[in-house]
Protein backbone atom coordinates (compact mmCIF):
# COMPACT_ATOMS: atom_id res chain seq x y z
CA MET A 1 21.36 24.78 2.10
CA SER A 2 22.01 21.05 2.43
CA PRO A 3 20.80 19.03 6.03
CA SER A 4 22.06 20.64 8.48
CA PRO A 5 25.78 19.89 9.34
CA ALA A 6 25.69 20.12 12.59
CA ALA A 7 23.29 17.68 13.08
CA ALA A 8 24.96 15.24 11.22
CA ASP A 9 26.50 13.32 14.11
CA SER A 10 23.22 13.40 16.31
CA VAL A 11 22.22 10.16 18.17
CA LEU A 12 19.01 10.37 15.99
CA LEU A 13 20.27 10.20 12.68
CA ALA A 14 22.84 7.39 14.15
CA ALA A 15 20.15 5.26 15.14
CA ALA A 16 18.27 5.73 11.92
CA ARG A 17 21.06 4.68 9.99
CA GLY A 18 21.47 1.21 12.35
CA GLU A 19 24.64 2.88 13.69
CA ALA A 20 25.83 2.48 17.41
CA VAL A 21 24.69 4.96 19.61
CA SER A 22 24.92 6.30 23.32
CA HIS A 23 21.32 6.12 24.24
CA THR A 24 18.26 5.82 22.40
CA PRO A 25 16.78 8.91 21.03
CA VAL A 26 13.76 9.89 21.91
CA TRP A 27 11.27 12.54 20.58
CA TYR A 28 7.20 12.50 20.43
CA MET A 29 4.86 12.90 17.48
CA ARG A 30 2.74 16.10 18.44
CA GLN A 31 5.37 16.78 21.05
CA ALA A 32 4.67 20.47 19.82
CA GLY A 33 0.96 21.43 20.22
CA ARG A 34 -1.89 21.31 22.76
CA SER A 35 -0.08 19.75 25.64
CA LEU A 36 2.37 22.69 26.05
CA PRO A 37 0.50 25.76 27.92
CA GLU A 38 3.22 28.12 26.03
CA TYR A 39 1.75 26.71 23.11
CA LEU A 40 -1.50 27.43 24.19
CA LYS A 41 -0.89 30.84 24.98
CA VAL A 42 1.21 31.42 21.36
CA ARG A 43 -1.75 30.28 19.70
CA GLU A 44 -4.53 32.17 21.34
CA GLY A 45 -6.67 33.36 18.37
CA VAL A 46 -4.13 32.23 15.86
CA GLY A 47 -5.90 29.80 13.43
CA MET A 48 -4.09 26.27 12.91
CA LEU A 49 -3.41 26.93 9.13
CA GLU A 50 -2.26 30.72 9.89
CA SER A 51 0.24 30.10 12.62
CA CYS A 52 1.55 27.20 10.04
CA MET A 53 1.95 29.71 7.52
CA ASP A 54 3.74 32.49 10.22
CA PRO A 55 7.66 31.26 10.04
CA ASP A 56 8.21 33.13 13.72
CA LEU A 57 5.80 31.35 14.73
CA VAL A 58 6.52 27.78 13.70
CA VAL A 59 9.78 28.23 15.19
CA GLU A 60 8.80 29.13 18.49
CA ILE A 61 6.13 26.22 18.81
CA THR A 62 8.49 23.79 17.15
CA MET A 63 11.16 24.92 19.24
CA GLN A 64 9.24 24.55 22.69
CA PRO A 65 9.23 21.25 23.55
CA VAL A 66 12.96 20.93 22.32
CA ARG A 67 13.67 23.57 25.41
CA ARG A 68 11.06 21.97 27.67
CA TYR A 69 11.98 18.31 27.15
CA GLY A 70 15.47 18.34 25.97
CA VAL A 71 14.38 15.56 23.38
CA ASP A 72 16.88 14.47 20.43
CA ALA A 73 15.12 15.75 17.13
CA ALA A 74 12.53 18.88 16.98
CA ILE A 75 9.43 17.76 14.51
CA PHE A 76 8.71 21.00 12.02
CA PHE A 77 5.33 22.26 13.53
CA SER A 78 2.76 22.02 10.54
CA ASP A 79 -0.45 19.51 9.33
CA ILE A 80 -0.38 17.55 6.61
CA VAL A 81 -2.68 19.42 4.37
CA LEU A 82 -0.75 22.55 4.44
CA PRO A 83 0.57 21.74 1.35
CA LEU A 84 -2.66 21.74 -0.32
CA LYS A 85 -3.77 24.81 1.49
CA ALA A 86 -1.05 26.50 -0.32
CA VAL A 87 -1.73 25.40 -4.07
CA GLY A 88 -4.88 26.64 -3.44
CA VAL A 89 -7.10 23.82 -2.26
CA ASP A 90 -10.28 25.69 -0.43
CA LEU A 91 -9.68 23.66 3.29
CA ASP A 92 -9.75 24.70 6.63
CA ILE A 93 -9.07 23.22 9.53
CA LYS A 94 -12.04 23.29 11.96
CA ALA A 95 -11.15 23.58 15.85
CA GLY A 96 -12.72 19.58 17.04
CA VAL A 97 -13.32 18.27 13.59
CA GLY A 98 -10.15 18.50 11.66
CA PRO A 99 -9.36 19.21 7.91
CA VAL A 100 -12.42 20.24 6.15
CA VAL A 101 -12.72 20.60 1.91
CA ALA A 102 -14.82 22.64 0.65
CA GLU A 103 -15.29 20.57 -2.84
CA PRO A 104 -14.33 17.37 -2.17
CA VAL A 105 -12.58 15.23 -4.97
CA ARG A 106 -14.98 13.20 -7.47
CA THR A 107 -13.62 13.25 -10.76
CA LEU A 108 -10.21 13.50 -13.05
CA ALA A 109 -11.28 16.86 -13.72
CA ASP A 110 -11.03 17.75 -10.02
CA VAL A 111 -8.17 15.98 -9.79
CA GLU A 112 -6.34 18.48 -12.84
CA ARG A 113 -7.49 21.39 -11.32
CA ILE A 114 -5.35 20.51 -8.32
CA PRO A 115 -1.99 22.47 -9.22
CA ASP A 116 1.64 20.72 -8.69
CA LEU A 117 3.49 22.31 -5.56
CA THR A 118 6.70 24.38 -6.46
CA PRO A 119 8.85 26.06 -3.99
CA ASP A 120 7.12 28.97 -4.75
CA HIS A 121 4.24 28.12 -3.14
CA VAL A 122 5.63 27.80 0.02
CA PRO A 123 8.39 30.46 0.96
CA PHE A 124 7.44 30.45 4.75
CA ILE A 125 8.44 27.08 4.96
CA THR A 126 11.71 27.63 4.03
CA GLN A 127 12.13 30.69 5.65
CA ALA A 128 10.68 28.63 9.27
CA VAL A 129 13.31 25.68 8.27
CA GLN A 130 16.04 27.92 7.75
CA GLY A 131 15.58 30.04 11.12
CA LEU A 132 14.96 26.24 13.12
CA VAL A 133 18.18 24.99 11.64
CA GLY A 134 19.70 28.34 13.32
CA GLU A 135 18.53 27.87 16.54
CA LEU A 136 18.33 24.14 16.61
CA GLY A 137 22.17 23.67 16.13
CA ALA A 138 23.25 19.95 16.50
CA THR A 139 19.39 19.10 17.60
CA PRO A 140 18.09 17.60 14.20
CA LEU A 141 15.16 18.97 12.77
CA ILE A 142 12.52 16.08 11.02
CA GLY A 143 10.58 17.49 8.27
CA PHE A 144 7.25 15.79 6.95
CA ALA A 145 4.83 15.09 4.72
CA GLY A 146 1.21 13.62 4.63
CA ALA A 147 1.22 10.01 2.45
CA PRO A 148 -0.57 9.79 -0.28
CA PHE A 149 -3.89 7.85 0.86
CA THR A 150 -4.18 9.81 4.17
CA VAL A 151 -4.24 12.96 1.91
CA ALA A 152 -6.32 11.40 -0.61
CA SER A 153 -9.05 10.52 2.00
CA TYR A 154 -9.73 13.90 3.22
CA LEU A 155 -10.06 15.19 -0.45
CA VAL A 156 -12.22 12.58 -1.11
CA GLU A 157 -14.26 12.51 1.82
CA GLY A 158 -14.18 15.89 2.72
CA GLY A 159 -12.76 15.68 6.17
CA PRO A 160 -12.27 13.10 8.42
CA SER A 161 -13.72 9.83 8.18
CA LYS A 162 -14.23 6.94 10.18
CA ASP A 163 -15.04 4.01 7.29
CA HIS A 164 -13.15 5.96 4.21
CA ALA A 165 -16.19 4.40 2.31
CA LYS A 166 -16.09 6.86 -0.38
CA THR A 167 -12.54 7.09 -0.48
CA LYS A 168 -12.36 3.17 -0.84
CA ALA A 169 -15.25 3.35 -3.16
CA MET A 170 -13.42 5.79 -5.63
CA MET A 171 -9.93 3.29 -5.22
CA LEU A 172 -11.93 0.24 -6.36
CA GLY A 173 -14.88 1.85 -8.51
CA ALA A 174 -12.68 4.44 -10.61
CA PRO A 175 -9.28 3.29 -10.55
CA GLU A 176 -7.88 6.08 -12.91
CA VAL A 177 -9.40 8.72 -10.98
CA TRP A 178 -7.81 7.01 -7.84
CA ASP A 179 -4.39 6.94 -9.82
CA ALA A 180 -4.25 10.40 -10.68
CA LEU A 181 -5.17 11.46 -7.80
CA MET A 182 -2.68 9.76 -5.61
CA ARG A 183 0.02 10.53 -8.65
CA LYS A 184 -0.63 14.34 -7.66
CA ILE A 185 -0.53 13.65 -4.22
CA ALA A 186 2.71 12.04 -4.39
CA GLN A 187 3.96 15.01 -6.28
CA ILE A 188 2.87 17.54 -3.74
CA ALA A 189 4.42 15.55 -1.01
CA SER A 190 7.63 15.15 -2.56
CA ALA A 191 8.14 18.62 -3.46
CA TYR A 192 7.26 19.29 0.04
CA LEU A 193 9.86 17.31 1.38
CA LYS A 194 12.39 18.53 -0.92
CA VAL A 195 11.53 22.21 0.32
CA GLN A 196 12.40 21.20 4.17
CA VAL A 197 15.25 19.11 3.24
CA ASP A 198 16.60 21.84 0.93
CA ALA A 199 16.10 24.50 3.58
CA GLY A 200 18.35 22.31 6.05
CA ALA A 201 15.94 19.73 7.48
CA SER A 202 18.03 16.58 8.42
CA ALA A 203 15.18 13.69 8.35
CA VAL A 204 11.68 13.37 6.78
CA GLN A 205 8.38 11.53 8.06
CA LEU A 206 5.99 10.39 6.17
CA PHE A 207 2.46 10.45 7.99
CA ASP A 208 0.34 7.44 6.84
CA SER A 209 -2.35 7.95 9.45
CA TRP A 210 -5.11 6.31 7.94
CA ALA A 211 -3.63 3.46 6.04
CA GLY A 212 -4.50 0.99 8.78
CA ALA A 213 -8.13 1.15 7.13
CA LEU A 214 -6.80 -0.93 4.24
CA THR A 215 -6.65 -4.44 3.18
CA PRO A 216 -2.94 -5.55 2.64
CA GLN A 217 -3.85 -6.00 -0.99
CA ASP A 218 -5.68 -3.25 -1.40
CA TYR A 219 -2.56 -1.49 0.37
CA ALA A 220 -0.12 -3.39 -1.76
CA GLU A 221 -1.99 -2.46 -5.28
CA HIS A 222 -3.48 0.78 -5.16
CA VAL A 223 -1.47 2.63 -2.46
CA MET A 224 2.00 1.26 -1.87
CA PRO A 225 3.17 2.39 -5.02
CA HIS A 226 2.49 5.76 -4.59
CA SER A 227 4.11 5.88 -0.87
CA SER A 228 7.31 4.27 -2.26
CA ARG A 229 7.64 6.91 -5.08
CA VAL A 230 7.90 9.23 -2.67
CA LEU A 231 9.95 7.55 -0.19
CA ALA A 232 12.37 6.68 -3.10
CA GLU A 233 12.69 10.65 -4.27
CA ALA A 234 13.28 11.68 -0.66
CA GLY A 235 15.82 9.07 -0.64
CA GLU A 236 17.63 11.10 -3.37
CA LEU A 237 17.81 14.06 -0.98
CA GLY A 238 20.16 11.74 1.12
CA VAL A 239 18.50 11.97 4.77
CA PRO A 240 17.09 8.96 6.69
CA ARG A 241 13.31 8.36 6.23
CA ILE A 242 10.53 7.41 8.62
CA HIS A 243 7.33 5.95 7.48
CA PHE A 244 4.36 5.61 9.86
CA GLY A 245 0.74 4.56 10.25
CA VAL A 246 -1.46 3.88 12.74
CA GLY A 247 -3.22 0.58 13.35
CA THR A 248 -0.94 -0.85 10.53
CA THR A 249 0.31 -4.18 12.15
CA ASN A 250 -0.97 -6.05 8.93
CA LEU A 251 0.69 -3.93 6.81
CA LEU A 252 4.04 -3.37 8.56
CA SER A 253 5.72 -5.73 6.04
CA LEU A 254 4.54 -3.80 3.21
CA MET A 255 5.44 -0.54 4.70
CA GLY A 256 9.00 -1.46 4.92
CA GLU A 257 9.10 -2.71 1.72
CA ALA A 258 7.82 0.44 0.26
CA GLY A 259 11.17 1.98 0.64
CA ALA A 260 11.99 3.79 4.09
CA ASP A 261 15.04 3.60 6.26
CA VAL A 262 12.90 3.47 9.60
CA VAL A 263 9.50 2.16 10.00
CA GLY A 264 7.46 3.40 13.27
CA VAL A 265 5.39 0.91 14.96
CA ASP A 266 2.15 2.03 16.79
CA TRP A 267 1.30 1.19 20.28
CA ARG A 268 -1.09 -1.91 19.32
CA THR A 269 2.02 -4.08 18.01
CA PRO A 270 4.45 -5.22 20.38
CA LEU A 271 7.82 -3.80 19.44
CA GLU A 272 9.53 -7.35 18.79
CA ARG A 273 6.74 -8.43 16.90
CA GLY A 274 7.33 -4.93 14.68
CA ILE A 275 10.54 -5.65 14.39
CA GLU A 276 9.99 -8.96 13.20
CA LEU A 277 7.65 -7.80 10.44
CA VAL A 278 9.68 -4.70 9.08
CA GLY A 279 12.94 -6.17 7.80
CA ASP A 280 16.54 -5.23 8.35
CA ARG A 281 15.22 -1.48 9.11
CA ALA A 282 15.17 0.71 12.32
CA VAL A 283 12.23 1.11 14.28
CA GLN A 284 10.50 4.34 16.28
CA GLY A 285 7.81 3.86 18.75
CA ASN A 286 5.98 2.79 20.55
CA LEU A 287 5.03 3.48 24.36
CA ASP A 288 1.09 3.68 24.35
CA PRO A 289 0.67 7.03 24.51
CA THR A 290 -1.98 7.06 27.60
CA LEU A 291 0.88 4.89 29.94
CA VAL A 292 1.84 9.05 30.59
CA PHE A 293 -1.25 8.90 32.92
CA ALA A 294 -0.23 6.02 34.85
CA PRO A 295 1.85 6.01 38.03
CA THR A 296 5.22 7.28 37.01
CA ASP A 297 6.85 3.98 37.81
CA VAL A 298 4.75 1.98 35.96
CA MET A 299 5.33 4.48 32.64
CA LEU A 300 9.14 4.30 33.24
CA ALA A 301 9.07 0.22 33.77
CA ARG A 302 6.97 -0.06 30.48
CA ALA A 303 9.30 2.47 28.63
CA GLY A 304 12.13 0.13 29.99
CA GLN A 305 10.28 -2.44 27.91
CA VAL A 306 10.25 -0.94 24.98
CA ILE A 307 14.22 0.16 25.07
CA GLU A 308 14.75 -3.40 25.91
CA ALA A 309 12.58 -4.86 22.91
CA GLY A 310 14.29 -2.30 20.52
CA ARG A 311 17.81 -3.74 21.08
CA ALA A 312 16.62 -6.10 18.56
CA ALA A 313 16.29 -3.78 15.50
CA ARG A 314 18.70 -2.31 13.37
CA GLY A 315 18.29 0.64 15.10
CA HIS A 316 15.58 2.15 17.47
CA ILE A 317 14.24 5.75 18.14
CA PHE A 318 12.02 5.53 21.01
CA ASN A 319 8.42 7.35 20.37
CA LEU A 320 4.97 6.89 21.18
CA GLY A 321 2.86 4.68 19.55
CA HIS A 322 1.05 7.59 18.24
CA GLY A 323 0.71 11.41 19.01
CA VAL A 324 1.12 13.02 22.41
CA ILE A 325 -2.54 13.05 23.87
CA PRO A 326 -3.47 17.15 24.22
CA SER A 327 -4.19 16.24 28.43
CA THR A 328 -0.91 15.05 28.60
CA ASP A 329 1.03 16.68 31.89
CA PRO A 330 4.26 17.63 30.49
CA ASP A 331 6.11 17.22 33.75
CA GLN A 332 5.29 13.55 32.71
CA LEU A 333 7.32 13.49 29.11
CA LYS A 334 10.08 15.35 30.79
CA ARG A 335 10.41 12.55 33.31
CA LEU A 336 9.93 9.90 30.19
CA THR A 337 12.55 11.78 28.27
CA GLU A 338 15.30 11.47 30.91
CA PHE A 339 14.67 8.25 31.68
CA VAL A 340 15.37 7.47 28.17
CA GLN A 341 18.01 9.35 27.73
CA SER A 342 19.81 8.05 30.65
CA TYR A 343 18.68 4.11 29.81
CA PRO A 344 22.12 2.13 30.07
CA LEU A 345 22.33 0.44 26.75
CA GLY A 346 25.63 -1.49 27.55
């Protein structure tokens, strides 16, 4: 399959391409997940990675926010470390902690033990995406992968880290090991995105959650070439590419240069500033995720400011500046979605 023909004329893809739209498209990072009671119900007693490898469950969980909110895109329900698990890395996602790797990567031999990813490693992904495209119809599905730096951080640290000290020590002190690891993860990410697009995903997002820990110099020298490779290979698939990181105000220009069609701007950076930094590209974002806890009129007023700022961009996809917080009231997100979709652009 190629990207869903039914979704080709969607408002989200038009905005990503910088074309005129009838309304600002809206979806939310982590829209499928712990903020939804229906999600908590179907996940009861099922581990995170186990749920990501069950095509029927992936379809159900991905569809839940589309049904509830009527958002302009679905985001494939998975986790950025899933491809590592699929190729045989011994890891698990521990509740309240995150991904934990049994044997952290330290040497070239450790890197060489990680196989390249092929479609045969992830047949359940192909099955889930095909099932979703059939259910979604004209609503596009966004596939995704973890960017090389963020995935490398989990592999080197052995789990989540606040300072990424071991990761940076490898990057600066063992550059040959770092380069080999980043090349390996770039291959896995590229192949994983291709599997999703070949099965019908209409757009892709590269998540570099931890890139904000880097200086611009280190990002440009040691990270950007590898993210650029993933984005370039995704570009050959003919779908819009979104590139997102957290706390990346100092990197937005470089993240734009890395090759995405759309650059995600987190809530710390005013959207108008983000638009100046990313060059002639569409932007995604960037309402503070905590504003859903404010009075509705305050939340909607701020959302209006974001939409107005987005007019200056080549294209604008409305989103939160990071993922939906688990304690978010789904009814507030429904109000926010309806507000964005009905906001006059004329």
